[in-house]
Amino acid sequence: MDIPVWQFKRMRDQECIDVFRSLDADLCVMAYVTDIVPNEIINAPSRGTIQYHPSLLPLHRGPSSINWAIIHGDTETGLSIFWPDEGLDTGSILMQKRVEIGPDDSVGSLYFNHLFPMGVEALVESVDLVATGNAPHIVQDENNATYEGWCGSKEAQVDWSNDADSVHNLIRGCDPQPGAWTTLSDEKVSLFGSTKASSNDTNVDPGTILEIDGTGMTVSTDGGSVKVKRVRVGRGPKSPTHESSLSVGDRFS
């Protein structure tokens, strides 16, 4: 198919606005937009603009909504198709779909197994509703609104003095990106594939490796422990923990 493609550094650039207006679009459909979209683009199509967002708005507004839902220990999330306005994820809702967050779900599993395929279906359904004139505009309840910024490397550092639930949620809420991390002898160790472990050895300092076997690496936390399946030590490759250079008794900081 001969479909023209344009790429601009910023959607606020006048050239981008002019090109978009020249398309004389009926509807604009957006997903995972991290740039500020000007009203000149949002309001240009005759039927408006709709956008996909991977949370149950007004909860978890912002660019890392999947990460933060898991990090906060939510047991449910979902997606919203909404009508964007000049605010940040503040426009009225067209459609929402819900999904359970499993106890060991990561950002990757939640997105690829649920939120991505559900999002494709929801966008198709939403376009049909717009085309038939039946698309709702449900105002978001600002009393329930939450916002979080980017989940980056700073936010992904593990504090082993936290309880096992908090550490487990951080690791899976940063898996695969940005990747939860800790240090051993000043070397960065990234952690992937977390589950809660049964060990509650309170005689060791938090961050101590208690066990390494074919199923993962058990690390102590405050009053509990977590099991990590894969690690990246320094600039090395991501590998199963039992194939890494880590040893029982090592203590992360």
C-alpha atoms as a PDB file:
ATOM      1  CA  MET A   1       0.000   0.000   0.000  1.00  0.00           C
ATOM      2  CA  ASP A   2       1.268   3.444  -0.890  1.00  0.00           C
ATOM      3  CA  ILE A   3       0.700   5.199   2.439  1.00  0.00           C
ATOM      4  CA  PRO A   4       2.631   8.448   2.960  1.00  0.00           C
ATOM      5  CA  VAL A   5       4.541   8.823   6.233  1.00  0.00           C
ATOM      6  CA  TRP A   6       5.742  12.033   7.858  1.00  0.00           C
ATOM      7  CA  GLN A   7       8.101  12.303  10.814  1.00  0.00           C
ATOM      8  CA  PHE A   8       8.611  15.511  12.749  1.00  0.00           C
ATOM      9  CA  LYS A   9      10.723  16.244  15.815  1.00  0.00           C
ATOM     10  CA  ARG A  10       7.800  17.919  17.564  1.00  0.00           C
ATOM     11  CA  MET A  11       4.099  17.969  16.844  1.00  0.00           C
ATOM     12  CA  ARG A  12       4.072  21.637  17.816  1.00  0.00           C
ATOM     13  CA  ASP A  13       6.230  22.508  14.811  1.00  0.00           C
ATOM     14  CA  GLN A  14       4.278  24.634  12.364  1.00  0.00           C
ATOM     15  CA  GLU A  15       5.257  22.395   9.451  1.00  0.00           C
ATOM     16  CA  CYS A  16       3.707  19.419  11.251  1.00  0.00           C
ATOM     17  CA  ILE A  17       0.513  21.359  11.935  1.00  0.00           C
ATOM     18  CA  ASP A  18       0.279  22.546   8.327  1.00  0.00           C
ATOM     19  CA  VAL A  19       0.800  19.048   6.891  1.00  0.00           C
ATOM     20  CA  PHE A  20      -1.764  17.553   9.235  1.00  0.00           C
ATOM     21  CA  ARG A  21      -4.359  20.186   8.370  1.00  0.00           C
ATOM     22  CA  SER A  22      -3.778  19.552   4.663  1.00  0.00           C
ATOM     23  CA  LEU A  23      -4.942  15.948   5.098  1.00  0.00           C
ATOM     24  CA  ASP A  24      -8.489  17.104   5.840  1.00  0.00           C
ATOM     25  CA  ALA A  25      -8.891  14.109   8.161  1.00  0.00           C
ATOM     26  CA  ASP A  26     -12.213  12.842   9.477  1.00  0.00           C
ATOM     27  CA  LEU A  27     -10.696  11.400  12.663  1.00  0.00           C
ATOM     28  CA  CYS A  28      -7.283  11.350  14.337  1.00  0.00           C
ATOM     29  CA  VAL A  29      -6.347   8.218  16.334  1.00  0.00           C
ATOM     30  CA  MET A  30      -3.375   8.428  18.708  1.00  0.00           C
ATOM     31  CA  ALA A  31      -1.613   5.873  20.923  1.00  0.00           C
ATOM     32  CA  TYR A  32       1.303   6.250  23.336  1.00  0.00           C
ATOM     33  CA  VAL A  33       1.827   9.918  22.572  1.00  0.00           C
ATOM     34  CA  THR A  34       4.697  11.343  24.640  1.00  0.00           C
ATOM     35  CA  ASP A  35       4.851  14.714  22.885  1.00  0.00           C
ATOM     36  CA  ILE A  36       2.567  17.662  23.578  1.00  0.00           C
ATOM     37  CA  VAL A  37      -0.064  17.680  20.843  1.00  0.00           C
ATOM     38  CA  PRO A  38      -1.331  21.188  20.075  1.00  0.00           C
ATOM     39  CA  ASN A  39      -5.015  21.970  19.832  1.00  0.00           C
ATOM     40  CA  GLU A  40      -4.480  22.869  16.172  1.00  0.00           C
ATOM     41  CA  ILE A  41      -3.990  19.142  15.526  1.00  0.00           C
ATOM     42  CA  ILE A  42      -6.446  17.765  18.100  1.00  0.00           C
ATOM     43  CA  ASN A  43      -9.293  19.902  16.784  1.00  0.00           C
ATOM     44  CA  ALA A  44      -8.482  19.699  13.060  1.00  0.00           C
ATOM     45  CA  PRO A  45     -10.359  16.479  12.105  1.00  0.00           C
ATOM     46  CA  SER A  46     -14.074  16.918  11.485  1.00  0.00           C
ATOM     47  CA  ARG A  47     -14.914  14.173  14.024  1.00  0.00           C
ATOM     48  CA  GLY A  48     -12.168  15.051  16.482  1.00  0.00           C
ATOM     49  CA  THR A  49      -9.302  13.048  17.977  1.00  0.00           C
ATOM     50  CA  ILE A  50      -9.286   9.927  20.157  1.00  0.00           C
ATOM     51  CA  GLN A  51      -6.355   8.507  22.099  1.00  0.00           C
ATOM     52  CA  TYR A  52      -5.352   5.217  23.744  1.00  0.00           C
ATOM     53  CA  HIS A  53      -3.999   5.334  27.301  1.00  0.00           C
ATOM     54  CA  PRO A  54      -2.998   2.199  29.285  1.00  0.00           C
ATOM     55  CA  SER A  55      -4.770   2.915  32.569  1.00  0.00           C
ATOM     56  CA  LEU A  56      -8.274   3.395  33.922  1.00  0.00           C
ATOM     57  CA  LEU A  57      -8.342   7.172  33.751  1.00  0.00           C
ATOM     58  CA  PRO A  58      -8.359   9.328  35.776  1.00  0.00           C
ATOM     59  CA  LEU A  59      -6.018   6.915  37.621  1.00  0.00           C
ATOM     60  CA  HIS A  60      -2.358   6.890  36.596  1.00  0.00           C
ATOM     61  CA  ARG A  61      -2.271   9.802  34.230  1.00  0.00           C
ATOM     62  CA  GLY A  62       1.186  10.298  32.792  1.00  0.00           C
ATOM     63  CA  PRO A  63       3.776   8.573  30.592  1.00  0.00           C
ATOM     64  CA  SER A  64       4.562   5.447  32.698  1.00  0.00           C
ATOM     65  CA  SER A  65       1.100   4.358  33.756  1.00  0.00           C
ATOM     66  CA  ILE A  66       1.678   0.591  33.404  1.00  0.00           C
ATOM     67  CA  ASN A  67       4.832   0.761  35.512  1.00  0.00           C
ATOM     68  CA  TRP A  68       3.237   2.711  38.337  1.00  0.00           C
ATOM     69  CA  ALA A  69       0.117   0.568  38.561  1.00  0.00           C
ATOM     70  CA  ILE A  70       2.319  -2.466  39.269  1.00  0.00           C
ATOM     71  CA  ILE A  71       4.768  -0.599  41.516  1.00  0.00           C
ATOM     72  CA  HIS A  72       1.882   0.646  43.661  1.00  0.00           C
ATOM     73  CA  GLY A  73       0.593  -2.905  44.019  1.00  0.00           C
ATOM     74  CA  ASP A  74      -2.670  -2.411  42.111  1.00  0.00           C
ATOM     75  CA  THR A  75      -4.557  -5.639  41.430  1.00  0.00           C
ATOM     76  CA  GLU A  76      -6.507  -4.198  38.501  1.00  0.00           C
ATOM     77  CA  THR A  77      -5.798  -1.811  35.669  1.00  0.00           C
ATOM     78  CA  GLY A  78      -7.024  -1.400  32.127  1.00  0.00           C
ATOM     79  CA  LEU A  79      -7.102   0.957  29.205  1.00  0.00           C
ATOM     80  CA  SER A  80      -8.966   4.097  28.285  1.00  0.00           C
ATOM     81  CA  ILE A  81      -9.893   5.482  24.892  1.00  0.00           C
ATOM     82  CA  PHE A  82     -10.485   9.176  25.470  1.00  0.00           C
ATOM     83  CA  TRP A  83     -10.939  12.499  23.730  1.00  0.00           C
ATOM     84  CA  PRO A  84      -7.691  14.424  24.399  1.00  0.00           C
ATOM     85  CA  ASP A  85      -7.816  18.100  25.258  1.00  0.00           C
ATOM     86  CA  GLU A  86      -5.232  20.683  26.321  1.00  0.00           C
ATOM     87  CA  GLY A  87      -4.569  18.849  29.613  1.00  0.00           C
ATOM     88  CA  LEU A  88      -2.427  15.784  30.283  1.00  0.00           C
ATOM     89  CA  ASP A  89      -4.693  12.734  29.889  1.00  0.00           C
ATOM     90  CA  THR A  90      -7.640  14.814  31.111  1.00  0.00           C
ATOM     91  CA  GLY A  91     -10.127  14.556  28.249  1.00  0.00           C
ATOM     92  CA  SER A  92     -13.521  12.876  28.440  1.00  0.00           C
ATOM     93  CA  ILE A  93     -13.718   9.075  28.244  1.00  0.00           C
ATOM     94  CA  LEU A  94     -15.065   7.224  25.215  1.00  0.00           C
ATOM     95  CA  MET A  95     -14.415   3.641  26.343  1.00  0.00           C
ATOM     96  CA  GLN A  96     -12.619   1.670  29.069  1.00  0.00           C
ATOM     97  CA  LYS A  97     -11.665  -1.990  29.427  1.00  0.00           C
ATOM     98  CA  ARG A  98     -10.433  -3.637  32.632  1.00  0.00           C
ATOM     99  CA  VAL A  99      -7.854  -6.353  33.277  1.00  0.00           C
ATOM    100  CA  GLU A 100      -6.597  -8.084  36.405  1.00  0.00           C
ATOM    101  CA  ILE A 101      -2.953  -7.622  37.385  1.00  0.00           C
ATOM    102  CA  GLY A 102      -1.632 -11.043  38.390  1.00  0.00           C
ATOM    103  CA  PRO A 103       0.672 -11.362  41.417  1.00  0.00           C
ATOM    104  CA  ASP A 104       3.715 -11.928  39.188  1.00  0.00           C
ATOM    105  CA  ASP A 105       2.704  -9.834  36.169  1.00  0.00           C
ATOM    106  CA  SER A 106       5.408  -7.543  34.825  1.00  0.00           C
ATOM    107  CA  VAL A 107       5.082  -4.506  32.584  1.00  0.00           C
ATOM    108  CA  GLY A 108       5.976  -6.750  29.652  1.00  0.00           C
ATOM    109  CA  SER A 109       3.464  -9.508  30.383  1.00  0.00           C
ATOM    110  CA  LEU A 110       0.673  -7.077  31.207  1.00  0.00           C
ATOM    111  CA  TYR A 111       1.207  -5.054  28.045  1.00  0.00           C
ATOM    112  CA  PHE A 112       1.873  -7.756  25.463  1.00  0.00           C
ATOM    113  CA  ASN A 113      -0.615 -10.316  26.809  1.00  0.00           C
ATOM    114  CA  HIS A 114      -3.438  -7.936  27.654  1.00  0.00           C
ATOM    115  CA  LEU A 115      -3.212  -4.172  27.165  1.00  0.00           C
ATOM    116  CA  PHE A 116      -1.825  -4.240  23.624  1.00  0.00           C
ATOM    117  CA  PRO A 117      -4.315  -6.705  22.061  1.00  0.00           C
ATOM    118  CA  MET A 118      -7.177  -5.219  24.085  1.00  0.00           C
ATOM    119  CA  GLY A 119      -6.118  -1.770  22.931  1.00  0.00           C
ATOM    120  CA  VAL A 120      -6.231  -2.725  19.261  1.00  0.00           C
ATOM    121  CA  GLU A 121      -9.757  -4.088  19.687  1.00  0.00           C
ATOM    122  CA  ALA A 122     -10.856  -1.065  21.708  1.00  0.00           C
ATOM    123  CA  LEU A 123      -9.587   1.384  19.093  1.00  0.00           C
ATOM    124  CA  VAL A 124     -11.440  -0.446  16.320  1.00  0.00           C
ATOM    125  CA  GLU A 125     -14.626  -0.444  18.414  1.00  0.00           C
ATOM    126  CA  SER A 126     -14.155   3.236  19.220  1.00  0.00           C
ATOM    127  CA  VAL A 127     -13.681   4.237  15.592  1.00  0.00           C
ATOM    128  CA  ASP A 128     -16.908   2.404  14.742  1.00  0.00           C
ATOM    129  CA  LEU A 129     -18.733   4.298  17.507  1.00  0.00           C
ATOM    130  CA  VAL A 130     -17.412   7.609  16.211  1.00  0.00           C
ATOM    131  CA  ALA A 131     -18.409   6.710  12.646  1.00  0.00           C
ATOM    132  CA  THR A 132     -21.983   5.928  13.699  1.00  0.00           C
ATOM    133  CA  GLY A 133     -22.275   8.987  15.930  1.00  0.00           C
ATOM    134  CA  ASN A 134     -22.629   6.897  19.099  1.00  0.00           C
ATOM    135  CA  ALA A 135     -19.312   7.643  20.806  1.00  0.00           C
ATOM    136  CA  PRO A 136     -19.844   8.885  24.386  1.00  0.00           C
ATOM    137  CA  HIS A 137     -18.073  11.754  26.155  1.00  0.00           C
ATOM    138  CA  ILE A 138     -17.843  10.820  29.861  1.00  0.00           C
ATOM    139  CA  VAL A 139     -16.190  13.522  31.953  1.00  0.00           C
ATOM    140  CA  GLN A 140     -13.343  12.289  34.168  1.00  0.00           C
ATOM    141  CA  ASP A 141     -13.804  12.580  37.939  1.00  0.00           C
ATOM    142  CA  GLU A 142     -11.016  14.891  39.082  1.00  0.00           C
ATOM    143  CA  ASN A 143     -11.558  13.815  42.699  1.00  0.00           C
ATOM    144  CA  ASN A 144     -10.107  10.404  41.804  1.00  0.00           C
ATOM    145  CA  ALA A 145      -7.307  11.633  39.562  1.00  0.00           C
ATOM    146  CA  THR A 146      -3.684  10.564  40.085  1.00  0.00           C
ATOM    147  CA  TYR A 147      -0.582  11.473  38.114  1.00  0.00           C
ATOM    148  CA  GLU A 148       2.927  10.031  38.020  1.00  0.00           C
ATOM    149  CA  GLY A 149       5.872  11.136  35.912  1.00  0.00           C
ATOM    150  CA  TRP A 150       8.357   8.989  34.035  1.00  0.00           C
ATOM    151  CA  CYS A 151       9.525   5.790  35.703  1.00  0.00           C
ATOM    152  CA  GLY A 152      13.235   6.082  35.012  1.00  0.00           C
ATOM    153  CA  SER A 153      16.505   4.756  36.338  1.00  0.00           C
ATOM    154  CA  LYS A 154      16.338   6.863  39.497  1.00  0.00           C
ATOM    155  CA  GLU A 155      12.922   5.473  40.417  1.00  0.00           C
ATOM    156  CA  ALA A 156      14.017   1.897  39.579  1.00  0.00           C
ATOM    157  CA  GLN A 157      16.711   1.566  42.261  1.00  0.00           C
ATOM    158  CA  VAL A 158      15.868  -1.165  44.779  1.00  0.00           C
ATOM    159  CA  ASP A 159      15.837  -0.360  48.494  1.00  0.00           C
ATOM    160  CA  TRP A 160      16.326  -3.736  50.157  1.00  0.00           C
ATOM    161  CA  SER A 161      15.241  -2.354  53.535  1.00  0.00           C
ATOM    162  CA  ASN A 162      11.683  -2.244  52.176  1.00  0.00           C
ATOM    163  CA  ASP A 163       9.321  -5.182  52.673  1.00  0.00           C
ATOM    164  CA  ALA A 164       9.126  -8.059  50.191  1.00  0.00           C
ATOM    165  CA  ASP A 165       5.904  -6.820  48.567  1.00  0.00           C
ATOM    166  CA  SER A 166       7.412  -3.405  47.814  1.00  0.00           C
ATOM    167  CA  VAL A 167      10.625  -4.859  46.385  1.00  0.00           C
ATOM    168  CA  HIS A 168       8.737  -7.452  44.322  1.00  0.00           C
ATOM    169  CA  ASN A 169       6.372  -4.808  42.924  1.00  0.00           C
ATOM    170  CA  LEU A 170       9.259  -2.502  42.007  1.00  0.00           C
ATOM    171  CA  ILE A 171      11.176  -5.207  40.158  1.00  0.00           C
ATOM    172  CA  ARG A 172       8.188  -6.397  38.122  1.00  0.00           C
ATOM    173  CA  GLY A 173       6.969  -2.814  37.648  1.00  0.00           C
ATOM    174  CA  CYS A 174      10.275  -1.977  35.943  1.00  0.00           C
ATOM    175  CA  ASP A 175      10.527  -5.175  33.886  1.00  0.00           C
ATOM    176  CA  PRO A 176      11.665  -4.947  31.132  1.00  0.00           C
ATOM    177  CA  GLN A 177      12.031  -1.149  31.161  1.00  0.00           C
ATOM    178  CA  PRO A 178      13.666   0.752  32.758  1.00  0.00           C
ATOM    179  CA  GLY A 179      14.903  -2.322  34.659  1.00  0.00           C
ATOM    180  CA  ALA A 180      15.057  -2.373  38.460  1.00  0.00           C
ATOM    181  CA  TRP A 181      18.635  -2.295  39.673  1.00  0.00           C
ATOM    182  CA  THR A 182      20.934  -2.520  42.653  1.00  0.00           C
ATOM    183  CA  THR A 183      24.704  -2.528  43.184  1.00  0.00           C
ATOM    184  CA  LEU A 184      27.312  -5.055  44.282  1.00  0.00           C
ATOM    185  CA  SER A 185      30.822  -3.760  44.917  1.00  0.00           C
ATOM    186  CA  ASP A 186      29.909  -0.575  43.033  1.00  0.00           C
ATOM    187  CA  GLU A 187      28.816  -2.565  39.964  1.00  0.00           C
ATOM    188  CA  LYS A 188      25.265  -2.177  38.689  1.00  0.00           C
ATOM    189  CA  VAL A 189      23.114  -5.314  38.709  1.00  0.00           C
ATOM    190  CA  SER A 190      19.752  -5.180  36.886  1.00  0.00           C
ATOM    191  CA  LEU A 191      16.973  -7.511  38.039  1.00  0.00           C
ATOM    192  CA  PHE A 192      14.222  -9.209  36.018  1.00  0.00           C
ATOM    193  CA  GLY A 193      11.550 -11.820  36.642  1.00  0.00           C
ATOM    194  CA  SER A 194      10.580 -11.421  40.291  1.00  0.00           C
ATOM    195  CA  THR A 195       8.395 -13.635  42.458  1.00  0.00           C
ATOM    196  CA  LYS A 196       7.870 -13.571  46.205  1.00  0.00           C
ATOM    197  CA  ALA A 197       9.885 -16.210  48.058  1.00  0.00           C
ATOM    198  CA  SER A 198       9.015 -18.180  51.177  1.00  0.00           C
ATOM    199  CA  SER A 199      12.237 -17.538  53.091  1.00  0.00           C
ATOM    200  CA  ASN A 200      11.887 -15.182  56.071  1.00  0.00           C
ATOM    201  CA  ASP A 201      15.412 -15.363  57.497  1.00  0.00           C
ATOM    202  CA  THR A 202      15.650 -12.338  59.785  1.00  0.00           C
ATOM    203  CA  ASN A 203      19.230 -13.129  60.834  1.00  0.00           C
ATOM    204  CA  VAL A 204      20.752 -11.681  57.668  1.00  0.00           C
ATOM    205  CA  ASP A 205      20.941  -8.124  56.422  1.00  0.00           C
ATOM    206  CA  PRO A 206      18.463  -7.025  53.728  1.00  0.00           C
ATOM    207  CA  GLY A 207      19.918  -7.393  50.254  1.00  0.00           C
ATOM    208  CA  THR A 208      21.808 -10.604  51.034  1.00  0.00           C
ATOM    209  CA  ILE A 209      21.685 -13.458  48.513  1.00  0.00           C
ATOM    210  CA  LEU A 210      20.275 -16.433  50.414  1.00  0.00           C
ATOM    211  CA  GLU A 211      20.126 -19.041  47.668  1.00  0.00           C
ATOM    212  CA  ILE A 212      20.831 -19.529  43.967  1.00  0.00           C
ATOM    213  CA  ASP A 213      19.465 -22.471  42.001  1.00  0.00           C
ATOM    214  CA  GLY A 214      17.960 -23.244  38.623  1.00  0.00           C
ATOM    215  CA  THR A 215      14.752 -21.391  39.471  1.00  0.00           C
ATOM    216  CA  GLY A 216      16.355 -18.120  40.506  1.00  0.00           C
ATOM    217  CA  MET A 217      18.157 -16.143  43.179  1.00  0.00           C
ATOM    218  CA  THR A 218      16.547 -15.561  46.584  1.00  0.00           C
ATOM    219  CA  VAL A 219      17.403 -12.210  48.173  1.00  0.00           C
ATOM    220  CA  SER A 220      16.449 -11.030  51.662  1.00  0.00           C
ATOM    221  CA  THR A 221      14.311  -7.955  52.262  1.00  0.00           C
ATOM    222  CA  ASP A 222      12.914  -6.449  55.460  1.00  0.00           C
ATOM    223  CA  GLY A 223      11.084  -9.385  57.013  1.00  0.00           C
ATOM    224  CA  GLY A 224      10.892 -11.449  53.832  1.00  0.00           C
ATOM    225  CA  SER A 225      12.552 -12.280  50.533  1.00  0.00           C
ATOM    226  CA  VAL A 226      12.084 -12.248  46.772  1.00  0.00           C
ATOM    227  CA  LYS A 227      13.257 -14.606  44.055  1.00  0.00           C
ATOM    228  CA  VAL A 228      14.791 -13.094  40.906  1.00  0.00           C
ATOM    229  CA  LYS A 229      15.051 -15.206  37.748  1.00  0.00           C
ATOM    230  CA  ARG A 230      17.374 -13.141  35.545  1.00  0.00           C
ATOM    231  CA  VAL A 231      20.067 -10.502  36.039  1.00  0.00           C
ATOM    232  CA  ARG A 232      22.376  -8.284  34.051  1.00  0.00           C
ATOM    233  CA  VAL A 233      25.689  -7.692  35.811  1.00  0.00           C
ATOM    234  CA  GLY A 234      27.398  -4.504  34.673  1.00  0.00           C
ATOM    235  CA  ARG A 235      27.335  -4.242  30.887  1.00  0.00           C
ATOM    236  CA  GLY A 236      27.028  -7.989  30.436  1.00  0.00           C
ATOM    237  CA  PRO A 237      24.115  -9.850  28.854  1.00  0.00           C
ATOM    238  CA  LYS A 238      20.854 -10.627  30.616  1.00  0.00           C
ATOM    239  CA  SER A 239      21.163 -14.187  31.922  1.00  0.00           C
ATOM    240  CA  PRO A 240      19.601 -16.668  34.366  1.00  0.00           C
ATOM    241  CA  THR A 241      20.842 -15.940  37.866  1.00  0.00           C
ATOM    242  CA  HIS A 242      22.508 -19.352  38.262  1.00  0.00           C
ATOM    243  CA  GLU A 243      24.648 -18.589  35.200  1.00  0.00           C
ATOM    244  CA  SER A 244      25.821 -15.220  36.554  1.00  0.00           C
ATOM    245  CA  SER A 245      28.894 -14.330  38.619  1.00  0.00           C
ATOM    246  CA  LEU A 246      26.766 -13.750  41.738  1.00  0.00           C
ATOM    247  CA  SER A 247      27.224 -15.962  44.802  1.00  0.00           C
ATOM    248  CA  VAL A 248      25.307 -16.896  47.935  1.00  0.00           C
ATOM    249  CA  GLY A 249      26.291 -14.494  50.699  1.00  0.00           C
ATOM    250  CA  ASP A 250      26.844 -11.523  48.396  1.00  0.00           C
ATOM    251  CA  ARG A 251      25.039  -8.459  49.684  1.00  0.00           C
ATOM    252  CA  PHE A 252      23.508  -5.845  47.424  1.00  0.00           C
ATOM    253  CA  SER A 253      23.508  -2.196  48.437  1.00  0.00           C
END
